[in-house]
Amino acid sequence: MKRKVGVKRLDFGNDNRCSFKKEGIWRRENDDYEVVKKVGRGKYSEVFKEIHTTNNEKCIIKILKPVKKKKIKHDIKILQNLCGGPNIVKLLNIVRDQQSKTPSLIFEYVNNTDFKVLYLTLSDFDVRYYIYEILK
């Protein structure tokens, strides 16, 4: 499935604490991505594994469903506060589709095991350990 995404920088204020803003990694309007596969969905978004067609860099793009701008800003502020912490996936970029104006969050790609499969194999000790690791 090929899909080209023309994207534009979204401005959510002047908070420069997170590296994706400090490093100026905003995607340009002519950047293109190719969908590899859909990896998930939720109440507020659909998630796809994509490859940047120029440099073959894998990433995850979380395409947000229509919600209030205030909620999007709130979620991004949380990600900015967690940025750089242990066990936190790096937010690379915030973009918006040129045609639909749909905002999307671009994250680093992390190879992992599907939680629905992994969860069934975990002991009580494993669950406590992973919760501790997430919260530390």
N, C-alpha and C. Protein backbone atom coordinates (compact mmCIF):
# COMPACT_ATOMS: atom_id res chain seq x y z
N MET A 1 0.84 -1.15 0.00
CA MET A 1 0.00 0.00 0.00
C MET A 1 0.90 1.23 0.00
N LYS A 2 0.80 2.04 -1.01
CA LYS A 2 1.61 3.25 -1.06
C LYS A 2 0.74 4.45 -0.79
N ARG A 3 1.26 5.35 0.02
CA ARG A 3 0.55 6.57 0.34
C ARG A 3 1.59 7.65 0.51
N LYS A 4 1.41 8.72 -0.16
CA LYS A 4 2.33 9.84 0.01
C LYS A 4 1.66 10.86 0.91
N VAL A 5 2.43 11.38 1.82
CA VAL A 5 1.91 12.33 2.78
C VAL A 5 2.67 13.64 2.62
N GLY A 6 1.96 14.68 2.23
CA GLY A 6 2.56 16.01 2.24
C GLY A 6 2.30 16.58 3.62
N VAL A 7 3.33 16.96 4.31
CA VAL A 7 3.14 17.37 5.69
C VAL A 7 3.66 18.78 5.94
N LYS A 8 3.14 19.38 6.97
CA LYS A 8 3.49 20.75 7.31
C LYS A 8 3.69 20.84 8.81
N ARG A 9 4.59 21.67 9.23
CA ARG A 9 4.89 21.86 10.65
C ARG A 9 3.66 22.40 11.38
N LEU A 10 3.41 21.87 12.56
CA LEU A 10 2.39 22.41 13.45
C LEU A 10 3.10 23.22 14.53
N ASP A 11 2.55 24.33 14.90
CA ASP A 11 3.16 25.17 15.93
C ASP A 11 2.38 25.03 17.23
N PHE A 12 3.03 24.46 18.23
CA PHE A 12 2.39 24.28 19.53
C PHE A 12 3.12 25.08 20.60
N GLY A 13 3.64 26.22 20.25
CA GLY A 13 4.28 27.07 21.23
C GLY A 13 5.79 27.07 21.12
N ASN A 14 6.44 27.70 22.08
CA ASN A 14 7.88 27.89 22.03
C ASN A 14 8.64 27.01 23.00
N ASP A 15 8.05 25.93 23.44
CA ASP A 15 8.72 25.05 24.40
C ASP A 15 9.81 24.27 23.69
N ASN A 16 11.08 24.54 24.03
CA ASN A 16 12.20 23.91 23.35
C ASN A 16 12.88 22.83 24.18
N ARG A 17 12.20 22.28 25.19
CA ARG A 17 12.82 21.29 26.05
C ARG A 17 13.06 19.96 25.34
N CYS A 18 12.26 19.66 24.35
CA CYS A 18 12.36 18.35 23.71
C CYS A 18 13.23 18.43 22.46
N SER A 19 14.02 17.39 22.23
CA SER A 19 15.02 17.43 21.17
C SER A 19 14.42 17.57 19.78
N PHE A 20 13.21 17.09 19.55
CA PHE A 20 12.68 17.19 18.19
C PHE A 20 12.46 18.64 17.81
N LYS A 21 12.26 19.52 18.77
CA LYS A 21 12.16 20.95 18.45
C LYS A 21 13.54 21.60 18.42
N LYS A 22 14.39 21.27 19.37
CA LYS A 22 15.72 21.88 19.44
C LYS A 22 16.53 21.57 18.20
N GLU A 23 16.42 20.35 17.71
CA GLU A 23 17.23 19.94 16.57
C GLU A 23 16.62 20.38 15.25
N GLY A 24 15.43 20.96 15.26
CA GLY A 24 14.81 21.43 14.03
C GLY A 24 14.49 20.31 13.06
N ILE A 25 13.94 19.22 13.55
CA ILE A 25 13.70 18.06 12.69
C ILE A 25 12.30 18.11 12.07
N TRP A 26 11.70 19.26 11.99
CA TRP A 26 10.36 19.33 11.39
C TRP A 26 10.40 18.81 9.96
N ARG A 27 9.42 18.03 9.59
CA ARG A 27 9.36 17.50 8.23
C ARG A 27 9.02 18.63 7.26
N ARG A 28 9.64 18.56 6.09
CA ARG A 28 9.35 19.54 5.05
C ARG A 28 8.11 19.11 4.28
N GLU A 29 7.50 20.05 3.56
CA GLU A 29 6.27 19.76 2.83
C GLU A 29 6.47 18.71 1.75
N ASN A 30 7.67 18.54 1.22
CA ASN A 30 7.88 17.59 0.13
C ASN A 30 8.35 16.22 0.62
N ASP A 31 8.40 15.99 1.93
CA ASP A 31 8.80 14.68 2.45
C ASP A 31 7.71 13.66 2.15
N ASP A 32 8.12 12.47 1.79
CA ASP A 32 7.18 11.41 1.45
C ASP A 32 7.41 10.18 2.31
N TYR A 33 6.33 9.54 2.66
CA TYR A 33 6.38 8.31 3.43
C TYR A 33 5.59 7.24 2.71
N GLU A 34 6.01 6.01 2.88
CA GLU A 34 5.29 4.87 2.31
C GLU A 34 4.81 4.00 3.46
N VAL A 35 3.51 3.72 3.45
CA VAL A 35 2.94 2.87 4.50
C VAL A 35 3.43 1.45 4.31
N VAL A 36 3.96 0.86 5.38
CA VAL A 36 4.37 -0.54 5.36
C VAL A 36 3.21 -1.40 5.83
N LYS A 37 2.64 -1.04 6.99
CA LYS A 37 1.47 -1.76 7.48
C LYS A 37 0.83 -1.00 8.62
N LYS A 38 -0.44 -1.30 8.84
CA LYS A 38 -1.15 -0.75 9.99
C LYS A 38 -0.77 -1.58 11.20
N VAL A 39 -0.39 -0.92 12.29
CA VAL A 39 0.04 -1.66 13.48
C VAL A 39 -0.90 -1.50 14.66
N GLY A 40 -1.87 -0.62 14.55
CA GLY A 40 -2.80 -0.47 15.66
C GLY A 40 -3.79 0.64 15.45
N ARG A 41 -4.75 0.69 16.36
CA ARG A 41 -5.73 1.77 16.34
C ARG A 41 -6.29 1.92 17.74
N GLY A 42 -6.86 3.06 17.99
CA GLY A 42 -7.46 3.33 19.28
C GLY A 42 -8.59 4.32 19.13
N LYS A 43 -9.06 4.80 20.25
CA LYS A 43 -10.18 5.74 20.24
C LYS A 43 -9.81 7.04 19.54
N TYR A 44 -8.56 7.48 19.69
CA TYR A 44 -8.16 8.78 19.17
C TYR A 44 -7.20 8.74 17.99
N SER A 45 -6.79 7.54 17.54
CA SER A 45 -5.80 7.52 16.46
C SER A 45 -5.73 6.17 15.76
N GLU A 46 -5.05 6.20 14.61
CA GLU A 46 -4.66 4.98 13.90
C GLU A 46 -3.14 5.05 13.78
N VAL A 47 -2.49 3.89 13.88
CA VAL A 47 -1.03 3.85 13.93
C VAL A 47 -0.50 2.99 12.79
N PHE A 48 0.50 3.53 12.07
CA PHE A 48 1.08 2.84 10.93
C PHE A 48 2.60 2.80 11.04
N LYS A 49 3.18 1.71 10.57
CA LYS A 49 4.63 1.64 10.37
C LYS A 49 4.86 2.19 8.97
N GLU A 50 5.78 3.13 8.86
CA GLU A 50 6.07 3.74 7.57
C GLU A 50 7.57 3.82 7.35
N ILE A 51 7.92 4.00 6.09
CA ILE A 51 9.33 4.18 5.71
C ILE A 51 9.43 5.48 4.94
N HIS A 52 10.43 6.28 5.31
CA HIS A 52 10.70 7.50 4.57
C HIS A 52 11.31 7.08 3.24
N THR A 53 10.71 7.51 2.13
CA THR A 53 11.12 7.01 0.82
C THR A 53 12.50 7.49 0.38
N THR A 54 13.03 8.54 0.97
CA THR A 54 14.35 9.03 0.59
C THR A 54 15.47 8.30 1.30
N ASN A 55 15.34 8.12 2.62
CA ASN A 55 16.45 7.53 3.38
C ASN A 55 16.13 6.15 3.97
N ASN A 56 14.99 5.60 3.65
CA ASN A 56 14.55 4.28 4.14
C ASN A 56 14.51 4.17 5.66
N GLU A 57 14.37 5.27 6.35
CA GLU A 57 14.28 5.28 7.81
C GLU A 57 12.87 4.82 8.22
N LYS A 58 12.83 3.82 9.11
CA LYS A 58 11.54 3.34 9.62
C LYS A 58 11.05 4.28 10.70
N CYS A 59 9.74 4.48 10.75
CA CYS A 59 9.16 5.27 11.82
C CYS A 59 7.73 4.80 12.05
N ILE A 60 7.15 5.30 13.10
CA ILE A 60 5.75 5.03 13.41
C ILE A 60 5.02 6.35 13.32
N ILE A 61 3.91 6.36 12.60
CA ILE A 61 3.13 7.59 12.50
C ILE A 61 1.76 7.33 13.11
N LYS A 62 1.41 8.17 14.05
CA LYS A 62 0.13 8.07 14.76
C LYS A 62 -0.75 9.18 14.21
N ILE A 63 -1.72 8.79 13.38
CA ILE A 63 -2.61 9.75 12.73
C ILE A 63 -3.80 9.96 13.65
N LEU A 64 -3.93 11.19 14.13
CA LEU A 64 -4.97 11.49 15.11
C LEU A 64 -6.33 11.64 14.44
N LYS A 65 -7.35 11.13 15.10
CA LYS A 65 -8.72 11.31 14.64
C LYS A 65 -9.16 12.71 15.06
N PRO A 66 -10.23 13.22 14.44
CA PRO A 66 -10.67 14.58 14.79
C PRO A 66 -11.01 14.71 16.28
N VAL A 67 -10.23 15.52 16.96
CA VAL A 67 -10.47 15.84 18.37
C VAL A 67 -10.18 17.32 18.57
N LYS A 68 -10.53 17.83 19.71
CA LYS A 68 -10.29 19.25 19.98
C LYS A 68 -8.79 19.54 20.03
N LYS A 69 -8.42 20.70 19.51
CA LYS A 69 -7.02 21.12 19.49
C LYS A 69 -6.44 21.15 20.90
N LYS A 70 -7.26 21.48 21.87
CA LYS A 70 -6.81 21.54 23.27
C LYS A 70 -6.31 20.18 23.74
N LYS A 71 -7.01 19.11 23.35
CA LYS A 71 -6.60 17.76 23.74
C LYS A 71 -5.27 17.39 23.09
N ILE A 72 -5.11 17.73 21.82
CA ILE A 72 -3.86 17.45 21.11
C ILE A 72 -2.71 18.19 21.80
N LYS A 73 -2.91 19.46 22.11
CA LYS A 73 -1.87 20.25 22.78
C LYS A 73 -1.52 19.65 24.14
N HIS A 74 -2.53 19.18 24.86
CA HIS A 74 -2.33 18.57 26.18
C HIS A 74 -1.47 17.31 26.05
N ASP A 75 -1.82 16.44 25.08
CA ASP A 75 -1.07 15.20 24.88
C ASP A 75 0.37 15.48 24.46
N ILE A 76 0.57 16.46 23.61
CA ILE A 76 1.92 16.81 23.17
C ILE A 76 2.73 17.37 24.34
N LYS A 77 2.11 18.15 25.19
CA LYS A 77 2.80 18.69 26.37
C LYS A 77 3.26 17.55 27.28
N ILE A 78 2.43 16.52 27.44
CA ILE A 78 2.83 15.35 28.23
C ILE A 78 4.04 14.68 27.60
N LEU A 79 4.00 14.48 26.27
CA LEU A 79 5.13 13.86 25.58
C LEU A 79 6.40 14.70 25.73
N GLN A 80 6.26 16.01 25.68
CA GLN A 80 7.43 16.88 25.84
C GLN A 80 8.01 16.75 27.25
N ASN A 81 7.16 16.63 28.25
CA ASN A 81 7.63 16.49 29.63
C ASN A 81 8.33 15.15 29.86
N LEU A 82 7.88 14.10 29.17
CA LEU A 82 8.48 12.78 29.33
C LEU A 82 9.71 12.58 28.44
N CYS A 83 9.90 13.46 27.48
CA CYS A 83 10.96 13.34 26.49
C CYS A 83 12.32 13.09 27.14
N GLY A 84 13.02 12.08 26.64
CA GLY A 84 14.35 11.77 27.14
C GLY A 84 14.37 10.85 28.33
N GLY A 85 13.20 10.53 28.86
CA GLY A 85 13.14 9.64 30.01
C GLY A 85 13.40 8.20 29.61
N PRO A 86 13.76 7.37 30.59
CA PRO A 86 13.98 5.95 30.28
C PRO A 86 12.66 5.29 29.88
N ASN A 87 12.72 4.38 28.94
CA ASN A 87 11.56 3.61 28.50
C ASN A 87 10.48 4.46 27.83
N ILE A 88 10.85 5.61 27.30
CA ILE A 88 9.91 6.48 26.60
C ILE A 88 10.32 6.53 25.13
N VAL A 89 9.38 6.20 24.24
CA VAL A 89 9.65 6.24 22.80
C VAL A 89 9.82 7.70 22.39
N LYS A 90 10.82 7.97 21.57
CA LYS A 90 11.16 9.34 21.17
C LYS A 90 10.16 9.88 20.14
N LEU A 91 9.58 11.02 20.45
CA LEU A 91 8.73 11.74 19.51
C LEU A 91 9.64 12.51 18.57
N LEU A 92 9.61 12.16 17.29
CA LEU A 92 10.50 12.79 16.31
C LEU A 92 9.92 14.06 15.71
N ASN A 93 8.60 14.08 15.56
CA ASN A 93 8.01 15.17 14.80
C ASN A 93 6.52 15.26 15.03
N ILE A 94 5.99 16.43 14.72
CA ILE A 94 4.56 16.66 14.71
C ILE A 94 4.26 17.25 13.34
N VAL A 95 3.36 16.64 12.60
CA VAL A 95 3.08 17.08 11.24
C VAL A 95 1.58 17.15 11.01
N ARG A 96 1.21 17.76 9.89
CA ARG A 96 -0.20 17.83 9.51
C ARG A 96 -0.31 17.58 8.02
N ASP A 97 -1.25 16.73 7.64
CA ASP A 97 -1.50 16.45 6.23
C ASP A 97 -2.00 17.72 5.54
N GLN A 98 -1.44 18.04 4.38
CA GLN A 98 -1.79 19.26 3.66
C GLN A 98 -3.26 19.31 3.25
N GLN A 99 -3.80 18.17 2.83
CA GLN A 99 -5.17 18.18 2.32
C GLN A 99 -6.21 18.10 3.44
N SER A 100 -6.07 17.11 4.30
CA SER A 100 -7.09 16.89 5.33
C SER A 100 -6.88 17.74 6.58
N LYS A 101 -5.68 18.31 6.73
CA LYS A 101 -5.29 19.07 7.92
C LYS A 101 -5.26 18.20 9.17
N THR A 102 -5.20 16.89 8.98
CA THR A 102 -5.16 15.95 10.10
C THR A 102 -3.78 15.95 10.73
N PRO A 103 -3.69 16.20 12.05
CA PRO A 103 -2.39 16.16 12.71
C PRO A 103 -1.92 14.73 12.95
N SER A 104 -0.61 14.54 12.92
CA SER A 104 -0.01 13.23 13.16
C SER A 104 1.25 13.39 13.98
N LEU A 105 1.54 12.38 14.77
CA LEU A 105 2.75 12.35 15.58
C LEU A 105 3.67 11.29 15.00
N ILE A 106 4.93 11.63 14.78
CA ILE A 106 5.89 10.68 14.23
C ILE A 106 6.86 10.28 15.33
N PHE A 107 6.94 8.97 15.58
CA PHE A 107 7.78 8.43 16.63
C PHE A 107 8.88 7.57 16.02
N GLU A 108 9.96 7.40 16.79
CA GLU A 108 11.00 6.47 16.37
C GLU A 108 10.39 5.07 16.29
N TYR A 109 10.94 4.25 15.41
CA TYR A 109 10.49 2.86 15.30
C TYR A 109 11.22 2.02 16.32
N VAL A 110 10.48 1.24 17.08
CA VAL A 110 11.05 0.33 18.06
C VAL A 110 10.51 -1.06 17.75
N ASN A 111 11.40 -1.99 17.48
CA ASN A 111 10.98 -3.36 17.21
C ASN A 111 10.50 -3.97 18.53
N ASN A 112 9.30 -4.51 18.54
CA ASN A 112 8.75 -5.03 19.78
C ASN A 112 7.84 -6.23 19.53
N THR A 113 7.38 -6.81 20.62
CA THR A 113 6.42 -7.91 20.58
C THR A 113 5.04 -7.33 20.86
N ASP A 114 4.04 -7.78 20.13
CA ASP A 114 2.68 -7.32 20.33
C ASP A 114 2.25 -7.57 21.78
N PHE A 115 1.76 -6.54 22.44
CA PHE A 115 1.37 -6.64 23.85
C PHE A 115 0.29 -7.70 24.06
N LYS A 116 -0.63 -7.82 23.12
CA LYS A 116 -1.71 -8.81 23.27
C LYS A 116 -1.17 -10.23 23.32
N VAL A 117 -0.07 -10.48 22.64
CA VAL A 117 0.58 -11.80 22.65
C VAL A 117 1.44 -11.94 23.91
N LEU A 118 2.22 -10.91 24.21
CA LEU A 118 3.13 -10.94 25.35
C LEU A 118 2.38 -11.04 26.68
N TYR A 119 1.30 -10.31 26.82
CA TYR A 119 0.55 -10.25 28.08
C TYR A 119 0.14 -11.63 28.58
N LEU A 120 -0.25 -12.50 27.68
CA LEU A 120 -0.71 -13.84 28.06
C LEU A 120 0.38 -14.69 28.68
N THR A 121 1.64 -14.33 28.45
CA THR A 121 2.76 -15.13 28.96
C THR A 121 3.37 -14.57 30.25
N LEU A 122 2.90 -13.43 30.72
CA LEU A 122 3.52 -12.77 31.87
C LEU A 122 3.02 -13.32 33.20
N SER A 123 3.96 -13.47 34.14
CA SER A 123 3.61 -13.85 35.51
C SER A 123 3.29 -12.57 36.29
N ASP A 124 2.79 -12.72 37.52
CA ASP A 124 2.54 -11.56 38.37
C ASP A 124 3.83 -10.77 38.61
N PHE A 125 4.92 -11.49 38.81
CA PHE A 125 6.22 -10.83 39.02
C PHE A 125 6.60 -10.01 37.78
N ASP A 126 6.41 -10.59 36.59
CA ASP A 126 6.73 -9.88 35.35
C ASP A 126 5.93 -8.59 35.24
N VAL A 127 4.64 -8.66 35.54
CA VAL A 127 3.78 -7.48 35.45
C VAL A 127 4.27 -6.39 36.41
N ARG A 128 4.58 -6.78 37.65
CA ARG A 128 5.08 -5.80 38.63
C ARG A 128 6.40 -5.19 38.15
N TYR A 129 7.28 -6.00 37.59
CA TYR A 129 8.57 -5.52 37.10
C TYR A 129 8.38 -4.49 35.98
N TYR A 130 7.54 -4.80 35.00
CA TYR A 130 7.36 -3.89 33.87
C TYR A 130 6.66 -2.60 34.29
N ILE A 131 5.72 -2.70 35.20
CA ILE A 131 5.07 -1.48 35.69
C ILE A 131 6.10 -0.61 36.40
N TYR A 132 6.95 -1.22 37.21
CA TYR A 132 8.02 -0.48 37.88
C TYR A 132 8.93 0.20 36.86
N GLU A 133 9.34 -0.53 35.82
CA GLU A 133 10.23 0.03 34.80
C GLU A 133 9.59 1.20 34.07
N ILE A 134 8.30 1.11 33.82
CA ILE A 134 7.61 2.19 33.12
C ILE A 134 7.53 3.43 34.01
N LEU A 135 7.27 3.22 35.29
CA LEU A 135 7.04 4.35 36.20
C LEU A 135 8.30 4.97 36.79
N LYS A 136 9.45 4.28 36.68
CA LYS A 136 10.65 4.84 37.33
C LYS A 136 11.21 6.04 36.60
